[in-house]
Amino acid sequence: MEIKPLGNRVLVLINKELKTKSGIILSAREESADEKPIKCEVLEVGEKVTEVKKGDKVIINKYCGSTVERVDEFVSKRIIDFKDILLVFKDE
């Protein structure tokens, strides 16, 4: 199934499984009390979005947008409004 956001919407991939530098996997479940923003990857952008592109890494608020597809317990795709993006990582 292909998902194409409309207008100023952005489709992001959220991976809640984090690795430390030594390789230890830390899982941050969505129902946890952790209120930190989430780092995710842009999968698709709507036609009105020019500030980010497919492949960019962005930070979003934890509870913004709607989950459109859950891959597993830790990975999901969410459709968000562009204004919910807090910052963009341009060089990684």
PDB file of N, CA and C in Angstrom:
ATOM      1  N   MET A   1       0.843  -1.179   0.000  1.00  0.00           N
ATOM      2  CA  MET A   1       0.000   0.000   0.000  1.00  0.00           C
ATOM      3  C   MET A   1       0.887   1.241   0.000  1.00  0.00           C
ATOM      4  N   GLU A   2       0.667   2.120  -0.954  1.00  0.00           N
ATOM      5  CA  GLU A   2       1.411   3.376  -1.023  1.00  0.00           C
ATOM      6  C   GLU A   2       0.591   4.463  -0.338  1.00  0.00           C
ATOM      7  N   ILE A   3       1.253   5.256   0.486  1.00  0.00           N
ATOM      8  CA  ILE A   3       0.589   6.347   1.196  1.00  0.00           C
ATOM      9  C   ILE A   3       1.200   7.650   0.718  1.00  0.00           C
ATOM     10  N   LYS A   4       0.386   8.562   0.200  1.00  0.00           N
ATOM     11  CA  LYS A   4       0.848   9.869  -0.270  1.00  0.00           C
ATOM     12  C   LYS A   4       0.136  10.945   0.536  1.00  0.00           C
ATOM     13  N   PRO A   5       0.862  11.719   1.346  1.00  0.00           N
ATOM     14  CA  PRO A   5       0.252  12.794   2.125  1.00  0.00           C
ATOM     15  C   PRO A   5      -0.267  13.907   1.214  1.00  0.00           C
ATOM     16  N   LEU A   6      -1.314  14.567   1.630  1.00  0.00           N
ATOM     17  CA  LEU A   6      -1.889  15.683   0.887  1.00  0.00           C
ATOM     18  C   LEU A   6      -1.520  17.006   1.557  1.00  0.00           C
ATOM     19  N   GLY A   7      -1.481  18.078   0.767  1.00  0.00           N
ATOM     20  CA  GLY A   7      -1.266  19.433   1.297  1.00  0.00           C
ATOM     21  C   GLY A   7       0.025  19.568   2.071  1.00  0.00           C
ATOM     22  N   ASN A   8      -0.114  20.007   3.324  1.00  0.00           N
ATOM     23  CA  ASN A   8       1.062  20.265   4.158  1.00  0.00           C
ATOM     24  C   ASN A   8       1.302  19.134   5.168  1.00  0.00           C
ATOM     25  N   ARG A   9       0.947  17.916   4.802  1.00  0.00           N
ATOM     26  CA  ARG A   9       1.147  16.762   5.666  1.00  0.00           C
ATOM     27  C   ARG A   9       2.449  16.038   5.301  1.00  0.00           C
ATOM     28  N   VAL A  10       2.984  15.304   6.275  1.00  0.00           N
ATOM     29  CA  VAL A  10       4.240  14.579   6.106  1.00  0.00           C
ATOM     30  C   VAL A  10       4.054  13.174   6.677  1.00  0.00           C
ATOM     31  N   LEU A  11       4.522  12.152   5.969  1.00  0.00           N
ATOM     32  CA  LEU A  11       4.503  10.782   6.455  1.00  0.00           C
ATOM     33  C   LEU A  11       5.883  10.471   7.022  1.00  0.00           C
ATOM     34  N   VAL A  12       5.923  10.037   8.284  1.00  0.00           N
ATOM     35  CA  VAL A  12       7.206   9.753   8.936  1.00  0.00           C
ATOM     36  C   VAL A  12       7.239   8.319   9.434  1.00  0.00           C
ATOM     37  N   LEU A  13       8.437   7.769   9.517  1.00  0.00           N
ATOM     38  CA  LEU A  13       8.671   6.442  10.068  1.00  0.00           C
ATOM     39  C   LEU A  13       9.261   6.625  11.452  1.00  0.00           C
ATOM     40  N   ILE A  14       8.600   6.057  12.429  1.00  0.00           N
ATOM     41  CA  ILE A  14       9.053   6.172  13.815  1.00  0.00           C
ATOM     42  C   ILE A  14       9.615   4.834  14.251  1.00  0.00           C
ATOM     43  N   ASN A  15      10.862   4.826  14.679  1.00  0.00           N
ATOM     44  CA  ASN A  15      11.494   3.618  15.195  1.00  0.00           C
ATOM     45  C   ASN A  15      11.776   3.851  16.666  1.00  0.00           C
ATOM     46  N   LYS A  16      11.052   3.167  17.532  1.00  0.00           N
ATOM     47  CA  LYS A  16      11.178   3.368  18.974  1.00  0.00           C
ATOM     48  C   LYS A  16      12.264   2.513  19.607  1.00  0.00           C
ATOM     49  N   GLU A  17      13.024   1.788  18.785  1.00  0.00           N
ATOM     50  CA  GLU A  17      14.090   0.959  19.315  1.00  0.00           C
ATOM     51  C   GLU A  17      15.393   1.731  19.185  1.00  0.00           C
ATOM     52  N   LEU A  18      16.033   2.020  20.287  1.00  0.00           N
ATOM     53  CA  LEU A  18      17.239   2.830  20.301  1.00  0.00           C
ATOM     54  C   LEU A  18      18.434   1.975  20.696  1.00  0.00           C
ATOM     55  N   LYS A  19      19.599   2.276  20.114  1.00  0.00           N
ATOM     56  CA  LYS A  19      20.825   1.571  20.457  1.00  0.00           C
ATOM     57  C   LYS A  19      21.802   2.535  21.105  1.00  0.00           C
ATOM     58  N   THR A  20      22.471   2.052  22.133  1.00  0.00           N
ATOM     59  CA  THR A  20      23.540   2.842  22.731  1.00  0.00           C
ATOM     60  C   THR A  20      24.794   2.665  21.870  1.00  0.00           C
ATOM     61  N   LYS A  21      25.832   3.444  22.135  1.00  0.00           N
ATOM     62  CA  LYS A  21      27.075   3.335  21.367  1.00  0.00           C
ATOM     63  C   LYS A  21      27.708   1.952  21.497  1.00  0.00           C
ATOM     64  N   SER A  22      27.481   1.292  22.622  1.00  0.00           N
ATOM     65  CA  SER A  22      28.062  -0.045  22.819  1.00  0.00           C
ATOM     66  C   SER A  22      27.190  -1.146  22.226  1.00  0.00           C
ATOM     67  N   GLY A  23      26.026  -0.802  21.644  1.00  0.00           N
ATOM     68  CA  GLY A  23      25.198  -1.790  20.973  1.00  0.00           C
ATOM     69  C   GLY A  23      24.036  -2.331  21.784  1.00  0.00           C
ATOM     70  N   ILE A  24      23.832  -1.824  22.986  1.00  0.00           N
ATOM     71  CA  ILE A  24      22.710  -2.269  23.815  1.00  0.00           C
ATOM     72  C   ILE A  24      21.430  -1.666  23.276  1.00  0.00           C
ATOM     73  N   ILE A  25      20.394  -2.485  23.091  1.00  0.00           N
ATOM     74  CA  ILE A  25      19.122  -2.015  22.553  1.00  0.00           C
ATOM     75  C   ILE A  25      18.216  -1.569  23.696  1.00  0.00           C
ATOM     76  N   LEU A  26      17.744  -0.324  23.615  1.00  0.00           N
ATOM     77  CA  LEU A  26      16.803   0.229  24.574  1.00  0.00           C
ATOM     78  C   LEU A  26      15.476   0.420  23.857  1.00  0.00           C
ATOM     79  N   SER A  27      14.418  -0.153  24.375  1.00  0.00           N
ATOM     80  CA  SER A  27      13.124   0.009  23.715  1.00  0.00           C
ATOM     81  C   SER A  27      12.297   1.035  24.463  1.00  0.00           C
ATOM     82  N   ALA A  28      11.710   1.973  23.726  1.00  0.00           N
ATOM     83  CA  ALA A  28      10.873   3.020  24.305  1.00  0.00           C
ATOM     84  C   ALA A  28       9.461   2.810  23.784  1.00  0.00           C
ATOM     85  N   ARG A  29       8.629   2.145  24.525  1.00  0.00           N
ATOM     86  CA  ARG A  29       7.266   1.858  24.077  1.00  0.00           C
ATOM     87  C   ARG A  29       6.430   3.124  24.082  1.00  0.00           C
ATOM     88  N   GLU A  30       5.453   3.169  23.180  1.00  0.00           N
ATOM     89  CA  GLU A  30       4.623   4.354  23.027  1.00  0.00           C
ATOM     90  C   GLU A  30       3.815   4.659  24.279  1.00  0.00           C
ATOM     91  N   GLU A  31       3.465   3.631  25.048  1.00  0.00           N
ATOM     92  CA  GLU A  31       2.644   3.860  26.232  1.00  0.00           C
ATOM     93  C   GLU A  31       3.462   4.234  27.463  1.00  0.00           C
ATOM     94  N   SER A  32       4.779   4.391  27.314  1.00  0.00           N
ATOM     95  CA  SER A  32       5.612   4.771  28.445  1.00  0.00           C
ATOM     96  C   SER A  32       5.360   6.227  28.838  1.00  0.00           C
ATOM     97  N   ALA A  33       5.834   6.576  30.011  1.00  0.00           N
ATOM     98  CA  ALA A  33       5.630   7.927  30.525  1.00  0.00           C
ATOM     99  C   ALA A  33       6.654   8.918  29.984  1.00  0.00           C
ATOM    100  N   ASP A  34       7.535   8.461  29.120  1.00  0.00           N
ATOM    101  CA  ASP A  34       8.570   9.315  28.544  1.00  0.00           C
ATOM    102  C   ASP A  34       7.936  10.357  27.621  1.00  0.00           C
ATOM    103  N   GLU A  35       8.122  11.635  27.915  1.00  0.00           N
ATOM    104  CA  GLU A  35       7.495  12.714  27.150  1.00  0.00           C
ATOM    105  C   GLU A  35       8.445  13.372  26.154  1.00  0.00           C
ATOM    106  N   LYS A  36       9.597  12.785  25.929  1.00  0.00           N
ATOM    107  CA  LYS A  36      10.585  13.390  25.040  1.00  0.00           C
ATOM    108  C   LYS A  36      10.105  13.371  23.592  1.00  0.00           C
ATOM    109  N   PRO A  37      10.512  14.356  22.793  1.00  0.00           N
ATOM    110  CA  PRO A  37      10.209  14.325  21.360  1.00  0.00           C
ATOM    111  C   PRO A  37      10.846  13.105  20.703  1.00  0.00           C
ATOM    112  N   ILE A  38      10.348  12.755  19.519  1.00  0.00           N
ATOM    113  CA  ILE A  38      10.759  11.542  18.831  1.00  0.00           C
ATOM    114  C   ILE A  38      11.557  11.889  17.574  1.00  0.00           C
ATOM    115  N   LYS A  39      12.669  11.197  17.363  1.00  0.00           N
ATOM    116  CA  LYS A  39      13.432  11.340  16.121  1.00  0.00           C
ATOM    117  C   LYS A  39      12.874  10.332  15.127  1.00  0.00           C
ATOM    118  N   CYS A  40      12.589  10.772  13.914  1.00  0.00           N
ATOM    119  CA  CYS A  40      12.032   9.882  12.899  1.00  0.00           C
ATOM    120  C   CYS A  40      12.523  10.283  11.517  1.00  0.00           C
ATOM    121  N   GLU A  41      12.173   9.464  10.525  1.00  0.00           N
ATOM    122  CA  GLU A  41      12.605   9.687   9.152  1.00  0.00           C
ATOM    123  C   GLU A  41      11.413  10.036   8.281  1.00  0.00           C
ATOM    124  N   VAL A  42      11.582  11.021   7.398  1.00  0.00           N
ATOM    125  CA  VAL A  42      10.524  11.427   6.476  1.00  0.00           C
ATOM    126  C   VAL A  42      10.447  10.410   5.339  1.00  0.00           C
ATOM    127  N   LEU A  43       9.243   9.839   5.125  1.00  0.00           N
ATOM    128  CA  LEU A  43       9.037   8.877   4.044  1.00  0.00           C
ATOM    129  C   LEU A  43       8.435   9.532   2.808  1.00  0.00           C
ATOM    130  N   GLU A  44       7.483  10.426   3.000  1.00  0.00           N
ATOM    131  CA  GLU A  44       6.815  11.132   1.898  1.00  0.00           C
ATOM    132  C   GLU A  44       6.386  12.504   2.399  1.00  0.00           C
ATOM    133  N   VAL A  45       6.258  13.457   1.475  1.00  0.00           N
ATOM    134  CA  VAL A  45       5.787  14.799   1.824  1.00  0.00           C
ATOM    135  C   VAL A  45       4.654  15.205   0.888  1.00  0.00           C
ATOM    136  N   GLY A  46       3.746  16.043   1.406  1.00  0.00           N
ATOM    137  CA  GLY A  46       2.666  16.575   0.591  1.00  0.00           C
ATOM    138  C   GLY A  46       3.177  17.630  -0.376  1.00  0.00           C
ATOM    139  N   GLU A  47       2.334  18.001  -1.349  1.00  0.00           N
ATOM    140  CA  GLU A  47       2.762  18.927  -2.402  1.00  0.00           C
ATOM    141  C   GLU A  47       3.049  20.349  -1.905  1.00  0.00           C
ATOM    142  N   LYS A  48       2.549  20.744  -0.744  1.00  0.00           N
ATOM    143  CA  LYS A  48       2.795  22.093  -0.226  1.00  0.00           C
ATOM    144  C   LYS A  48       4.020  22.179   0.685  1.00  0.00           C
ATOM    145  N   VAL A  49       4.656  21.071   0.954  1.00  0.00           N
ATOM    146  CA  VAL A  49       5.814  21.050   1.855  1.00  0.00           C
ATOM    147  C   VAL A  49       7.091  21.191   1.034  1.00  0.00           C
ATOM    148  N   THR A  50       7.865  22.246   1.336  1.00  0.00           N
ATOM    149  CA  THR A  50       9.121  22.474   0.616  1.00  0.00           C
ATOM    150  C   THR A  50      10.337  22.466   1.544  1.00  0.00           C
ATOM    151  N   GLU A  51      10.117  22.542   2.854  1.00  0.00           N
ATOM    152  CA  GLU A  51      11.226  22.658   3.797  1.00  0.00           C
ATOM    153  C   GLU A  51      11.898  21.332   4.127  1.00  0.00           C
ATOM    154  N   VAL A  52      11.197  20.209   3.966  1.00  0.00           N
ATOM    155  CA  VAL A  52      11.791  18.899   4.204  1.00  0.00           C
ATOM    156  C   VAL A  52      11.578  18.031   2.971  1.00  0.00           C
ATOM    157  N   LYS A  53      12.402  16.992   2.860  1.00  0.00           N
ATOM    158  CA  LYS A  53      12.269  16.082   1.720  1.00  0.00           C
ATOM    159  C   LYS A  53      12.374  14.645   2.217  1.00  0.00           C
ATOM    160  N   LYS A  54      12.034  13.735   1.347  1.00  0.00           N
ATOM    161  CA  LYS A  54      12.107  12.318   1.654  1.00  0.00           C
ATOM    162  C   LYS A  54      13.523  11.966   2.102  1.00  0.00           C
ATOM    163  N   GLY A  55      13.642  11.246   3.213  1.00  0.00           N
ATOM    164  CA  GLY A  55      14.939  10.835   3.726  1.00  0.00           C
ATOM    165  C   GLY A  55      15.485  11.698   4.846  1.00  0.00           C
ATOM    166  N   ASP A  56      14.941  12.908   5.024  1.00  0.00           N
ATOM    167  CA  ASP A  56      15.403  13.779   6.112  1.00  0.00           C
ATOM    168  C   ASP A  56      15.067  13.155   7.462  1.00  0.00           C
ATOM    169  N   LYS A  57      15.924  13.403   8.447  1.00  0.00           N
ATOM    170  CA  LYS A  57      15.660  13.013   9.828  1.00  0.00           C
ATOM    171  C   LYS A  57      15.083  14.234  10.536  1.00  0.00           C
ATOM    172  N   VAL A  58      13.980  14.044  11.259  1.00  0.00           N
ATOM    173  CA  VAL A  58      13.314  15.154  11.931  1.00  0.00           C
ATOM    174  C   VAL A  58      12.966  14.776  13.363  1.00  0.00           C
ATOM    175  N   ILE A  59      12.694  15.785  14.167  1.00  0.00           N
ATOM    176  CA  ILE A  59      12.206  15.605  15.528  1.00  0.00           C
ATOM    177  C   ILE A  59      10.763  16.103  15.571  1.00  0.00           C
ATOM    178  N   ILE A  60       9.861  15.268  16.114  1.00  0.00           N
ATOM    179  CA  ILE A  60       8.450  15.656  16.242  1.00  0.00           C
ATOM    180  C   ILE A  60       8.004  15.477  17.692  1.00  0.00           C
ATOM    181  N   ASN A  61       6.900  16.108  18.050  1.00  0.00           N
ATOM    182  CA  ASN A  61       6.309  15.891  19.359  1.00  0.00           C
ATOM    183  C   ASN A  61       5.795  14.472  19.453  1.00  0.00           C
ATOM    184  N   LYS A  62       5.836  13.900  20.643  1.00  0.00           N
ATOM    185  CA  LYS A  62       5.471  12.498  20.843  1.00  0.00           C
ATOM    186  C   LYS A  62       4.035  12.185  20.426  1.00  0.00           C
ATOM    187  N   TYR A  63       3.093  13.048  20.729  1.00  0.00           N
ATOM    188  CA  TYR A  63       1.687  12.726  20.527  1.00  0.00           C
ATOM    189  C   TYR A  63       1.057  13.400  19.306  1.00  0.00           C
ATOM    190  N   CYS A  64       1.836  13.930  18.391  1.00  0.00           N
ATOM    191  CA  CYS A  64       1.247  14.595  17.223  1.00  0.00           C
ATOM    192  C   CYS A  64       0.888  13.581  16.143  1.00  0.00           C
ATOM    193  N   GLY A  65      -0.029  13.946  15.283  1.00  0.00           N
ATOM    194  CA  GLY A  65      -0.372  13.132  14.126  1.00  0.00           C
ATOM    195  C   GLY A  65      -1.188  11.897  14.434  1.00  0.00           C
ATOM    196  N   SER A  66      -1.357  11.067  13.416  1.00  0.00           N
ATOM    197  CA  SER A  66      -2.128   9.829  13.522  1.00  0.00           C
ATOM    198  C   SER A  66      -1.325   8.678  12.967  1.00  0.00           C
ATOM    199  N   THR A  67      -1.318   7.568  13.671  1.00  0.00           N
ATOM    200  CA  THR A  67      -0.640   6.367  13.190  1.00  0.00           C
ATOM    201  C   THR A  67      -1.456   5.773  12.055  1.00  0.00           C
ATOM    202  N   VAL A  68      -0.827   5.564  10.905  1.00  0.00           N
ATOM    203  CA  VAL A  68      -1.531   5.003   9.751  1.00  0.00           C
ATOM    204  C   VAL A  68      -1.150   3.553   9.501  1.00  0.00           C
ATOM    205  N   GLU A  69       0.011   3.131  10.001  1.00  0.00           N
ATOM    206  CA  GLU A  69       0.424   1.742   9.833  1.00  0.00           C
ATOM    207  C   GLU A  69       1.391   1.385  10.948  1.00  0.00           C
ATOM    208  N   ARG A  70       1.113   0.275  11.601  1.00  0.00           N
ATOM    209  CA  ARG A  70       2.019  -0.210  12.650  1.00  0.00           C
ATOM    210  C   ARG A  70       2.743  -1.431  12.107  1.00  0.00           C
ATOM    211  N   VAL A  71       4.059  -1.320  11.953  1.00  0.00           N
ATOM    212  CA  VAL A  71       4.857  -2.411  11.418  1.00  0.00           C
ATOM    213  C   VAL A  71       5.044  -3.484  12.488  1.00  0.00           C
ATOM    214  N   ASP A  72       5.406  -3.064  13.683  1.00  0.00           N
ATOM    215  CA  ASP A  72       5.488  -3.959  14.837  1.00  0.00           C
ATOM    216  C   ASP A  72       5.374  -3.114  16.096  1.00  0.00           C
ATOM    217  N   GLU A  73       5.772  -3.698  17.227  1.00  0.00           N
ATOM    218  CA  GLU A  73       5.625  -3.015  18.510  1.00  0.00           C
ATOM    219  C   GLU A  73       6.417  -1.710  18.593  1.00  0.00           C
ATOM    220  N   PHE A  74       7.531  -1.636  17.865  1.00  0.00           N
ATOM    221  CA  PHE A  74       8.417  -0.483  17.999  1.00  0.00           C
ATOM    222  C   PHE A  74       8.474   0.412  16.769  1.00  0.00           C
ATOM    223  N   VAL A  75       7.970  -0.040  15.642  1.00  0.00           N
ATOM    224  CA  VAL A  75       8.069   0.726  14.403  1.00  0.00           C
ATOM    225  C   VAL A  75       6.675   1.022  13.868  1.00  0.00           C
ATOM    226  N   SER A  76       6.416   2.299  13.558  1.00  0.00           N
ATOM    227  CA  SER A  76       5.118   2.675  12.999  1.00  0.00           C
ATOM    228  C   SER A  76       5.291   3.836  12.025  1.00  0.00           C
ATOM    229  N   LYS A  77       4.300   4.000  11.164  1.00  0.00           N
ATOM    230  CA  LYS A  77       4.254   5.133  10.252  1.00  0.00           C
ATOM    231  C   LYS A  77       3.159   6.065  10.744  1.00  0.00           C
ATOM    232  N   ARG A  78       3.481   7.355  10.773  1.00  0.00           N
ATOM    233  CA  ARG A  78       2.538   8.345  11.276  1.00  0.00           C
ATOM    234  C   ARG A  78       2.423   9.491  10.289  1.00  0.00           C
ATOM    235  N   ILE A  79       1.208   9.976  10.081  1.00  0.00           N
ATOM    236  CA  ILE A  79       0.981  11.148   9.237  1.00  0.00           C
ATOM    237  C   ILE A  79       0.856  12.352  10.168  1.00  0.00           C
ATOM    238  N   ILE A  80       1.663  13.377   9.910  1.00  0.00           N
ATOM    239  CA  ILE A  80       1.660  14.556  10.778  1.00  0.00           C
ATOM    240  C   ILE A  80       1.491  15.811   9.937  1.00  0.00           C
ATOM    241  N   ASP A  81       1.122  16.887  10.590  1.00  0.00           N
ATOM    242  CA  ASP A  81       1.069  18.193   9.949  1.00  0.00           C
ATOM    243  C   ASP A  81       2.493  18.752   9.954  1.00  0.00           C
ATOM    244  N   PHE A  82       2.880  19.453   8.907  1.00  0.00           N
ATOM    245  CA  PHE A  82       4.236  19.989   8.821  1.00  0.00           C
ATOM    246  C   PHE A  82       4.590  20.843  10.033  1.00  0.00           C
ATOM    247  N   LYS A  83       3.634  21.576  10.577  1.00  0.00           N
ATOM    248  CA  LYS A  83       3.916  22.467  11.710  1.00  0.00           C
ATOM    249  C   LYS A  83       4.305  21.710  12.986  1.00  0.00           C
ATOM    250  N   ASP A  84       4.088  20.385  13.011  1.00  0.00           N
ATOM    251  CA  ASP A  84       4.462  19.579  14.169  1.00  0.00           C
ATOM    252  C   ASP A  84       5.922  19.147  14.153  1.00  0.00           C
ATOM    253  N   ILE A  85       6.652  19.455  13.075  1.00  0.00           N
ATOM    254  CA  ILE A  85       8.084  19.149  13.021  1.00  0.00           C
ATOM    255  C   ILE A  85       8.829  20.222  13.804  1.00  0.00           C
ATOM    256  N   LEU A  86       9.605  19.798  14.794  1.00  0.00           N
ATOM    257  CA  LEU A  86      10.319  20.735  15.659  1.00  0.00           C
ATOM    258  C   LEU A  86      11.668  21.141  15.061  1.00  0.00           C
ATOM    259  N   LEU A  87      12.383  20.189  14.441  1.00  0.00           N
ATOM    260  CA  LEU A  87      13.659  20.513  13.807  1.00  0.00           C
ATOM    261  C   LEU A  87      14.006  19.437  12.794  1.00  0.00           C
ATOM    262  N   VAL A  88      14.914  19.796  11.900  1.00  0.00           N
ATOM    263  CA  VAL A  88      15.349  18.907  10.831  1.00  0.00           C
ATOM    264  C   VAL A  88      16.861  18.742  10.933  1.00  0.00           C
ATOM    265  N   PHE A  89      17.343  17.489  10.857  1.00  0.00           N
ATOM    266  CA  PHE A  89      18.773  17.210  10.796  1.00  0.00           C
ATOM    267  C   PHE A  89      19.165  17.197   9.331  1.00  0.00           C
ATOM    268  N   LYS A  90      19.950  18.143   8.884  1.00  0.00           N
ATOM    269  CA  LYS A  90      20.337  18.203   7.470  1.00  0.00           C
ATOM    270  C   LYS A  90      21.590  17.388   7.183  1.00  0.00           C
ATOM    271  N   ASP A  91      22.535  17.327   8.101  1.00  0.00           N
ATOM    272  CA  ASP A  91      23.773  16.574   7.873  1.00  0.00           C
ATOM    273  C   ASP A  91      23.932  15.544   8.965  1.00  0.00           C
ATOM    274  N   GLU A  92      23.976  14.284   8.577  1.00  0.00           N
ATOM    275  CA  GLU A  92      24.192  13.198   9.541  1.00  0.00           C
ATOM    276  C   GLU A  92      25.206  12.229   9.037  1.00  0.00           C
TER     277      GLU A  92
END
